[in-house]
PDB file of N, CA and C in Angstrom:
ATOM      1  N   MET A   1      -1.708 -66.113  23.939  1.00  0.00           N
ATOM      2  CA  MET A   1      -0.431 -65.400  24.972  1.00  0.00           C
ATOM      3  C   MET A   1       0.491 -64.813  23.063  1.00  0.00           C
ATOM      4  N   GLN A   2       0.184 -65.610  21.888  1.00  0.00           N
ATOM      5  CA  GLN A   2       0.761 -64.906  20.963  1.00  0.00           C
ATOM      6  C   GLN A   2       0.147 -63.813  20.455  1.00  0.00           C
ATOM      7  N   ALA A   3      -1.241 -63.903  20.466  1.00  0.00           N
ATOM      8  CA  ALA A   3      -2.285 -63.011  20.323  1.00  0.00           C
ATOM      9  C   ALA A   3      -1.777 -61.742  21.185  1.00  0.00           C
ATOM     10  N   ALA A   4      -1.489 -61.585  22.655  1.00  0.00           N
ATOM     11  CA  ALA A   4      -1.695 -60.655  23.515  1.00  0.00           C
ATOM     12  C   ALA A   4       0.134 -60.131  22.775  1.00  0.00           C
ATOM     13  N   SER A   5       0.599 -61.000  22.350  1.00  0.00           N
ATOM     14  CA  SER A   5       2.097 -60.289  22.118  1.00  0.00           C
ATOM     15  C   SER A   5       2.409 -59.672  20.870  1.00  0.00           C
ATOM     16  N   ARG A   6       1.152 -60.152  19.895  1.00  0.00           N
ATOM     17  CA  ARG A   6       0.967 -59.318  18.370  1.00  0.00           C
ATOM     18  C   ARG A   6       0.100 -58.111  18.603  1.00  0.00           C
ATOM     19  N   LYS A   7      -0.577 -57.989  19.844  1.00  0.00           N
ATOM     20  CA  LYS A   7      -0.899 -56.813  19.841  1.00  0.00           C
ATOM     21  C   LYS A   7       0.010 -55.426  19.952  1.00  0.00           C
ATOM     22  N   GLN A   8       0.822 -56.471  21.095  1.00  0.00           N
ATOM     23  CA  GLN A   8       1.614 -54.881  22.136  1.00  0.00           C
ATOM     24  C   GLN A   8       2.533 -54.326  20.936  1.00  0.00           C
ATOM     25  N   ILE A   9       3.168 -55.617  19.907  1.00  0.00           N
ATOM     26  CA  ILE A   9       4.005 -55.443  18.971  1.00  0.00           C
ATOM     27  C   ILE A   9       3.550 -54.034  18.262  1.00  0.00           C
ATOM     28  N   ASN A  10       2.175 -54.974  17.685  1.00  0.00           N
ATOM     29  CA  ASN A  10       1.214 -53.865  16.483  1.00  0.00           C
ATOM     30  C   ASN A  10       1.145 -52.377  17.235  1.00  0.00           C
ATOM     31  N   ASP A  11       0.635 -52.399  18.493  1.00  0.00           N
ATOM     32  CA  ASP A  11       0.341 -51.271  19.643  1.00  0.00           C
ATOM     33  C   ASP A  11       1.876 -50.113  19.076  1.00  0.00           C
ATOM     34  N   THR A  12       2.945 -50.570  19.558  1.00  0.00           N
ATOM     35  CA  THR A  12       4.177 -50.113  19.492  1.00  0.00           C
ATOM     36  C   THR A  12       4.246 -49.244  18.020  1.00  0.00           C
ATOM     37  N   GLN A  13       4.269 -50.329  16.688  1.00  0.00           N
ATOM     38  CA  GLN A  13       4.610 -49.674  16.019  1.00  0.00           C
ATOM     39  C   GLN A  13       3.506 -48.651  15.529  1.00  0.00           C
ATOM     40  N   LEU A  14       2.823 -48.612  16.084  1.00  0.00           N
ATOM     41  CA  LEU A  14       1.509 -47.473  15.442  1.00  0.00           C
ATOM     42  C   LEU A  14       1.789 -46.487  15.949  1.00  0.00           C
ATOM     43  N   LEU A  15       2.302 -47.028  17.398  1.00  0.00           N
ATOM     44  CA  LEU A  15       2.731 -45.205  18.274  1.00  0.00           C
ATOM     45  C   LEU A  15       3.952 -44.818  17.613  1.00  0.00           C
ATOM     46  N   LYS A  16       5.144 -45.890  17.219  1.00  0.00           N
ATOM     47  CA  LYS A  16       6.070 -44.956  16.403  1.00  0.00           C
ATOM     48  C   LYS A  16       5.775 -44.337  15.347  1.00  0.00           C
ATOM     49  N   GLN A  17       4.800 -44.782  14.841  1.00  0.00           N
ATOM     50  CA  GLN A  17       4.639 -44.508  13.350  1.00  0.00           C
ATOM     51  C   GLN A  17       4.278 -43.298  13.280  1.00  0.00           C
ATOM     52  N   GLN A  18       2.858 -42.352  14.656  1.00  0.00           N
ATOM     53  CA  GLN A  18       2.500 -41.351  14.435  1.00  0.00           C
ATOM     54  C   GLN A  18       3.371 -40.501  15.036  1.00  0.00           C
ATOM     55  N   LEU A  19       4.498 -41.377  15.754  1.00  0.00           N
ATOM     56  CA  LEU A  19       5.748 -39.886  16.174  1.00  0.00           C
ATOM     57  C   LEU A  19       6.183 -39.849  15.136  1.00  0.00           C
ATOM     58  N   MET A  20       6.432 -40.250  14.290  1.00  0.00           N
ATOM     59  CA  MET A  20       7.362 -40.292  12.947  1.00  0.00           C
ATOM     60  C   MET A  20       6.735 -39.443  12.193  1.00  0.00           C
ATOM     61  N   ASP A  21       5.009 -39.417  12.029  1.00  0.00           N
ATOM     62  CA  ASP A  21       4.120 -38.771  11.068  1.00  0.00           C
ATOM     63  C   ASP A  21       4.613 -37.620  11.264  1.00  0.00           C
ATOM     64  N   GLU A  22       4.420 -37.257  12.735  1.00  0.00           N
ATOM     65  CA  GLU A  22       4.528 -35.727  13.230  1.00  0.00           C
ATOM     66  C   GLU A  22       5.827 -35.003  12.853  1.00  0.00           C
ATOM     67  N   LEU A  23       7.046 -35.770  13.274  1.00  0.00           N
ATOM     68  CA  LEU A  23       8.257 -35.418  12.829  1.00  0.00           C
ATOM     69  C   LEU A  23       8.703 -35.559  11.218  1.00  0.00           C
ATOM     70  N   SER A  24       8.102 -35.921  10.627  1.00  0.00           N
ATOM     71  CA  SER A  24       8.095 -35.934   9.029  1.00  0.00           C
ATOM     72  C   SER A  24       7.484 -34.909   8.738  1.00  0.00           C
ATOM     73  N   THR A  25       5.916 -34.486   9.761  1.00  0.00           N
ATOM     74  CA  THR A  25       5.282 -33.142   9.019  1.00  0.00           C
ATOM     75  C   THR A  25       5.977 -32.190   9.197  1.00  0.00           C
ATOM     76  N   TRP A  26       7.114 -32.050  10.393  1.00  0.00           N
ATOM     77  CA  TRP A  26       7.419 -31.233  10.998  1.00  0.00           C
ATOM     78  C   TRP A  26       8.244 -30.193   9.923  1.00  0.00           C
ATOM     79  N   ILE A  27       9.464 -31.549   9.403  1.00  0.00           N
ATOM     80  CA  ILE A  27      10.705 -31.773   8.267  1.00  0.00           C
ATOM     81  C   ILE A  27       9.850 -30.751   7.231  1.00  0.00           C
ATOM     82  N   ALA A  28       9.068 -31.496   6.746  1.00  0.00           N
ATOM     83  CA  ALA A  28       8.219 -31.023   5.411  1.00  0.00           C
ATOM     84  C   ALA A  28       7.698 -29.485   5.608  1.00  0.00           C
ATOM     85  N   GLU A  29       7.277 -29.086   6.277  1.00  0.00           N
ATOM     86  CA  GLU A  29       6.534 -27.846   6.990  1.00  0.00           C
ATOM     87  C   GLU A  29       7.547 -26.779   7.096  1.00  0.00           C
ATOM     88  N   HIS A  30       8.821 -27.307   7.189  1.00  0.00           N
ATOM     89  CA  HIS A  30       9.711 -26.198   7.539  1.00  0.00           C
ATOM     90  C   HIS A  30      10.830 -26.055   6.260  1.00  0.00           C
ATOM     91  N   HIS A  31      10.462 -27.002   5.424  1.00  0.00           N
ATOM     92  CA  HIS A  31      10.879 -27.222   3.429  1.00  0.00           C
ATOM     93  C   HIS A  31      12.618 -27.522   3.938  1.00  0.00           C
ATOM     94  N   LEU A  32      13.181 -28.906   5.333  1.00  0.00           N
ATOM     95  CA  LEU A  32      14.323 -28.617   5.956  1.00  0.00           C
ATOM     96  C   LEU A  32      14.914 -30.063   4.947  1.00  0.00           C
ATOM     97  N   LYS A  33      16.429 -29.751   4.918  1.00  0.00           N
ATOM     98  CA  LYS A  33      16.729 -30.953   4.232  1.00  0.00           C
ATOM     99  C   LYS A  33      17.164 -31.757   5.156  1.00  0.00           C
ATOM    100  N   GLN A  34      17.558 -33.044   5.216  1.00  0.00           N
ATOM    101  CA  GLN A  34      18.090 -33.918   6.103  1.00  0.00           C
ATOM    102  C   GLN A  34      18.879 -33.710   7.009  1.00  0.00           C
ATOM    103  N   ALA A  35      20.199 -33.097   6.642  1.00  0.00           N
ATOM    104  CA  ALA A  35      20.971 -32.810   7.502  1.00  0.00           C
ATOM    105  C   ALA A  35      20.837 -31.466   8.164  1.00  0.00           C
ATOM    106  N   GLU A  36      19.649 -30.700   7.831  1.00  0.00           N
ATOM    107  CA  GLU A  36      19.216 -29.569   8.321  1.00  0.00           C
ATOM    108  C   GLU A  36      18.571 -29.753   9.615  1.00  0.00           C
ATOM    109  N   ALA A  37      17.263 -30.541   9.476  1.00  0.00           N
ATOM    110  CA  ALA A  37      16.788 -31.197  10.634  1.00  0.00           C
ATOM    111  C   ALA A  37      17.773 -31.877  11.293  1.00  0.00           C
ATOM    112  N   ALA A  38      18.797 -32.954  11.162  1.00  0.00           N
ATOM    113  CA  ALA A  38      19.497 -33.377  12.435  1.00  0.00           C
ATOM    114  C   ALA A  38      20.243 -32.695  13.054  1.00  0.00           C
ATOM    115  N   GLU A  39      20.890 -31.658  12.542  1.00  0.00           N
ATOM    116  CA  GLU A  39      21.391 -30.889  13.184  1.00  0.00           C
ATOM    117  C   GLU A  39      19.736 -29.854  14.638  1.00  0.00           C
ATOM    118  N   ILE A  40      19.017 -29.629  13.776  1.00  0.00           N
ATOM    119  CA  ILE A  40      18.074 -29.127  14.643  1.00  0.00           C
ATOM    120  C   ILE A  40      17.763 -29.984  16.000  1.00  0.00           C
ATOM    121  N   LEU A  41      17.815 -31.555  15.549  1.00  0.00           N
ATOM    122  CA  LEU A  41      17.005 -32.593  16.370  1.00  0.00           C
ATOM    123  C   LEU A  41      18.102 -33.089  17.183  1.00  0.00           C
ATOM    124  N   MET A  42      19.471 -32.637  16.984  1.00  0.00           N
ATOM    125  CA  MET A  42      20.731 -33.009  17.481  1.00  0.00           C
ATOM    126  C   MET A  42      20.944 -34.661  17.262  1.00  0.00           C
ATOM    127  N   VAL A  43      20.660 -35.274  15.838  1.00  0.00           N
ATOM    128  CA  VAL A  43      20.870 -36.401  15.587  1.00  0.00           C
ATOM    129  C   VAL A  43      21.596 -36.762  14.327  1.00  0.00           C
ATOM    130  N   SER A  44      22.241 -37.900  13.906  1.00  0.00           N
ATOM    131  CA  SER A  44      22.499 -37.590  12.816  1.00  0.00           C
ATOM    132  C   SER A  44      21.937 -38.016  11.936  1.00  0.00           C
ATOM    133  N   ARG A  45      22.252 -37.662  10.568  1.00  0.00           N
ATOM    134  CA  ARG A  45      21.700 -37.409   9.221  1.00  0.00           C
ATOM    135  C   ARG A  45      20.894 -38.766   8.696  1.00  0.00           C
ATOM    136  N   PRO A  46      21.523 -39.917   8.987  1.00  0.00           N
ATOM    137  CA  PRO A  46      21.341 -40.886   8.642  1.00  0.00           C
ATOM    138  C   PRO A  46      20.007 -41.567   9.768  1.00  0.00           C
ATOM    139  N   ARG A  47      19.526 -40.756  10.633  1.00  0.00           N
ATOM    140  CA  ARG A  47      18.435 -41.040  11.959  1.00  0.00           C
ATOM    141  C   ARG A  47      17.445 -40.503  11.517  1.00  0.00           C
ATOM    142  N   VAL A  48      17.536 -38.969  10.740  1.00  0.00           N
ATOM    143  CA  VAL A  48      16.413 -38.203   9.932  1.00  0.00           C
ATOM    144  C   VAL A  48      15.966 -39.184   9.229  1.00  0.00           C
ATOM    145  N   SER A  49      16.851 -39.493   8.109  1.00  0.00           N
ATOM    146  CA  SER A  49      16.389 -40.215   7.439  1.00  0.00           C
ATOM    147  C   SER A  49      15.505 -41.472   7.519  1.00  0.00           C
ATOM    148  N   ASP A  50      15.996 -42.282   8.897  1.00  0.00           N
ATOM    149  CA  ASP A  50      14.926 -43.576   9.142  1.00  0.00           C
ATOM    150  C   ASP A  50      13.672 -42.820   9.552  1.00  0.00           C
ATOM    151  N   VAL A  51      13.446 -41.683  10.220  1.00  0.00           N
ATOM    152  CA  VAL A  51      12.166 -41.028  10.787  1.00  0.00           C
ATOM    153  C   VAL A  51      11.648 -40.848   9.462  1.00  0.00           C
ATOM    154  N   VAL A  52      11.865 -40.430   8.529  1.00  0.00           N
ATOM    155  CA  VAL A  52      11.090 -40.076   6.919  1.00  0.00           C
ATOM    156  C   VAL A  52      10.657 -41.399   6.076  1.00  0.00           C
ATOM    157  N   ASN A  53      11.432 -42.238   6.369  1.00  0.00           N
ATOM    158  CA  ASN A  53      11.540 -43.694   5.518  1.00  0.00           C
ATOM    159  C   ASN A  53      10.489 -44.420   6.858  1.00  0.00           C
ATOM    160  N   ARG A  54      10.291 -44.023   7.150  1.00  0.00           N
ATOM    161  CA  ARG A  54       9.509 -44.770   8.255  1.00  0.00           C
ATOM    162  C   ARG A  54       9.734 -46.255   8.902  1.00  0.00           C
ATOM    163  N   LYS A  55      10.819 -46.089   9.485  1.00  0.00           N
ATOM    164  CA  LYS A  55      11.847 -47.340   9.550  1.00  0.00           C
ATOM    165  C   LYS A  55      11.580 -47.555  11.213  1.00  0.00           C
ATOM    166  N   THR A  56      10.780 -48.185  11.519  1.00  0.00           N
ATOM    167  CA  THR A  56       9.948 -48.516  13.289  1.00  0.00           C
ATOM    168  C   THR A  56      11.176 -48.998  13.885  1.00  0.00           C
ATOM    169  N   ALA A  57      11.551 -49.509  13.251  1.00  0.00           N
ATOM    170  CA  ALA A  57      13.114 -50.846  13.717  1.00  0.00           C
ATOM    171  C   ALA A  57      13.772 -50.052  14.386  1.00  0.00           C
ATOM    172  N   LYS A  58      14.263 -49.224  13.804  1.00  0.00           N
ATOM    173  CA  LYS A  58      15.450 -48.527  13.335  1.00  0.00           C
ATOM    174  C   LYS A  58      15.362 -46.958  15.325  1.00  0.00           C
ATOM    175  N   LEU A  59      14.318 -47.035  15.629  1.00  0.00           N
ATOM    176  CA  LEU A  59      14.146 -45.902  16.603  1.00  0.00           C
ATOM    177  C   LEU A  59      13.480 -46.515  17.427  1.00  0.00           C
ATOM    178  N   THR A  60      13.774 -45.700  18.548  1.00  0.00           N
ATOM    179  CA  THR A  60      12.876 -46.082  20.175  1.00  0.00           C
ATOM    180  C   THR A  60      11.812 -45.236  19.753  1.00  0.00           C
ATOM    181  N   ILE A  61      10.591 -45.137  21.089  1.00  0.00           N
ATOM    182  CA  ILE A  61       9.727 -44.448  21.053  1.00  0.00           C
ATOM    183  C   ILE A  61      10.421 -43.139  22.245  1.00  0.00           C
ATOM    184  N   ASP A  62      11.285 -43.189  23.110  1.00  0.00           N
ATOM    185  CA  ASP A  62      12.248 -42.455  23.640  1.00  0.00           C
ATOM    186  C   ASP A  62      12.720 -41.866  22.377  1.00  0.00           C
ATOM    187  N   THR A  63      13.603 -42.095  21.987  1.00  0.00           N
ATOM    188  CA  THR A  63      14.415 -41.275  21.040  1.00  0.00           C
ATOM    189  C   THR A  63      13.427 -40.117  20.451  1.00  0.00           C
ATOM    190  N   LEU A  64      12.377 -40.976  19.639  1.00  0.00           N
ATOM    191  CA  LEU A  64      11.424 -40.051  19.005  1.00  0.00           C
ATOM    192  C   LEU A  64      10.420 -38.778  19.701  1.00  0.00           C
ATOM    193  N   VAL A  65      10.196 -39.242  21.232  1.00  0.00           N
ATOM    194  CA  VAL A  65       9.544 -38.196  21.825  1.00  0.00           C
ATOM    195  C   VAL A  65      11.177 -37.559  21.840  1.00  0.00           C
ATOM    196  N   GLU A  66      12.171 -37.987  22.461  1.00  0.00           N
ATOM    197  CA  GLU A  66      13.104 -36.626  22.215  1.00  0.00           C
ATOM    198  C   GLU A  66      13.054 -35.701  21.583  1.00  0.00           C
ATOM    199  N   MET A  67      13.299 -36.461  20.565  1.00  0.00           N
ATOM    200  CA  MET A  67      13.665 -35.727  18.856  1.00  0.00           C
ATOM    201  C   MET A  67      12.133 -34.696  19.052  1.00  0.00           C
ATOM    202  N   LEU A  68      10.832 -34.655  19.423  1.00  0.00           N
ATOM    203  CA  LEU A  68       9.627 -34.473  19.181  1.00  0.00           C
ATOM    204  C   LEU A  68       9.972 -32.946  20.408  1.00  0.00           C
ATOM    205  N   SER A  69      10.011 -33.172  21.347  1.00  0.00           N
ATOM    206  CA  SER A  69      10.641 -32.288  22.506  1.00  0.00           C
ATOM    207  C   SER A  69      11.417 -31.121  22.180  1.00  0.00           C
ATOM    208  N   ARG A  70      12.491 -31.760  21.298  1.00  0.00           N
ATOM    209  CA  ARG A  70      13.764 -30.872  21.088  1.00  0.00           C
ATOM    210  C   ARG A  70      13.146 -29.718  19.770  1.00  0.00           C
ATOM    211  N   ILE A  71      11.826 -29.885  19.451  1.00  0.00           N
ATOM    212  CA  ILE A  71      11.774 -28.603  18.228  1.00  0.00           C
ATOM    213  C   ILE A  71      10.137 -28.310  18.953  1.00  0.00           C
ATOM    214  N   GLY A  72       9.908 -28.267  20.167  1.00  0.00           N
ATOM    215  CA  GLY A  72       8.917 -28.104  21.279  1.00  0.00           C
ATOM    216  C   GLY A  72       7.165 -28.406  20.896  1.00  0.00           C
ATOM    217  N   LYS A  73       7.311 -29.671  20.704  1.00  0.00           N
ATOM    218  CA  LYS A  73       6.542 -30.490  20.389  1.00  0.00           C
ATOM    219  C   LYS A  73       6.488 -31.758  21.444  1.00  0.00           C
ATOM    220  N   PRO A  74       5.785 -31.275  22.759  1.00  0.00           N
ATOM    221  CA  PRO A  74       6.089 -32.395  24.013  1.00  0.00           C
ATOM    222  C   PRO A  74       4.826 -32.919  23.323  1.00  0.00           C
ATOM    223  N   VAL A  75       4.752 -34.389  23.847  1.00  0.00           N
ATOM    224  CA  VAL A  75       4.259 -35.751  23.681  1.00  0.00           C
ATOM    225  C   VAL A  75       3.217 -35.953  24.664  1.00  0.00           C
ATOM    226  N   LYS A  76       2.018 -36.119  25.107  1.00  0.00           N
ATOM    227  CA  LYS A  76       1.557 -36.599  25.913  1.00  0.00           C
ATOM    228  C   LYS A  76       0.589 -37.981  25.704  1.00  0.00           C
ATOM    229  N   LEU A  77       1.223 -39.267  26.436  1.00  0.00           N
ATOM    230  CA  LEU A  77       0.435 -40.173  26.623  1.00  0.00           C
ATOM    231  C   LEU A  77      -0.649 -40.461  27.198  1.00  0.00           C
ATOM    232  N   ALA A  78      -1.763 -41.101  26.658  1.00  0.00           N
ATOM    233  CA  ALA A  78      -2.949 -41.654  27.447  1.00  0.00           C
ATOM    234  C   ALA A  78      -3.178 -42.696  27.418  1.00  0.00           C
ATOM    235  N   ILE A  79      -3.621 -43.133  28.841  1.00  0.00           N
ATOM    236  CA  ILE A  79      -3.943 -44.558  28.743  1.00  0.00           C
ATOM    237  C   ILE A  79      -5.330 -44.849  28.685  1.00  0.00           C
ATOM    238  N   GLY A  80      -5.517 -46.308  28.156  1.00  0.00           N
ATOM    239  CA  GLY A  80      -7.459 -46.324  28.462  1.00  0.00           C
ATOM    240  C   GLY A  80      -7.875 -46.308  26.568  1.00  0.00           C
TER     241      GLY A  80
END
């Protein structure tokens, strides 16, 4: 049971990291300051800092997906 729980936590962390990587890449490609990115993403500047610094515990998958949606990068979930 502990192994299954650890795998689920690791899978969640990996998914969050992938979403954060995509957001961080977009911010860098557009040469945005965190405050500018925050305005576009409709979140606070500290939230953008959490994304850029890969603080996965501070953000939910839903929040990250919503942020990506706001910049025209829809997320598709594949099972299996």
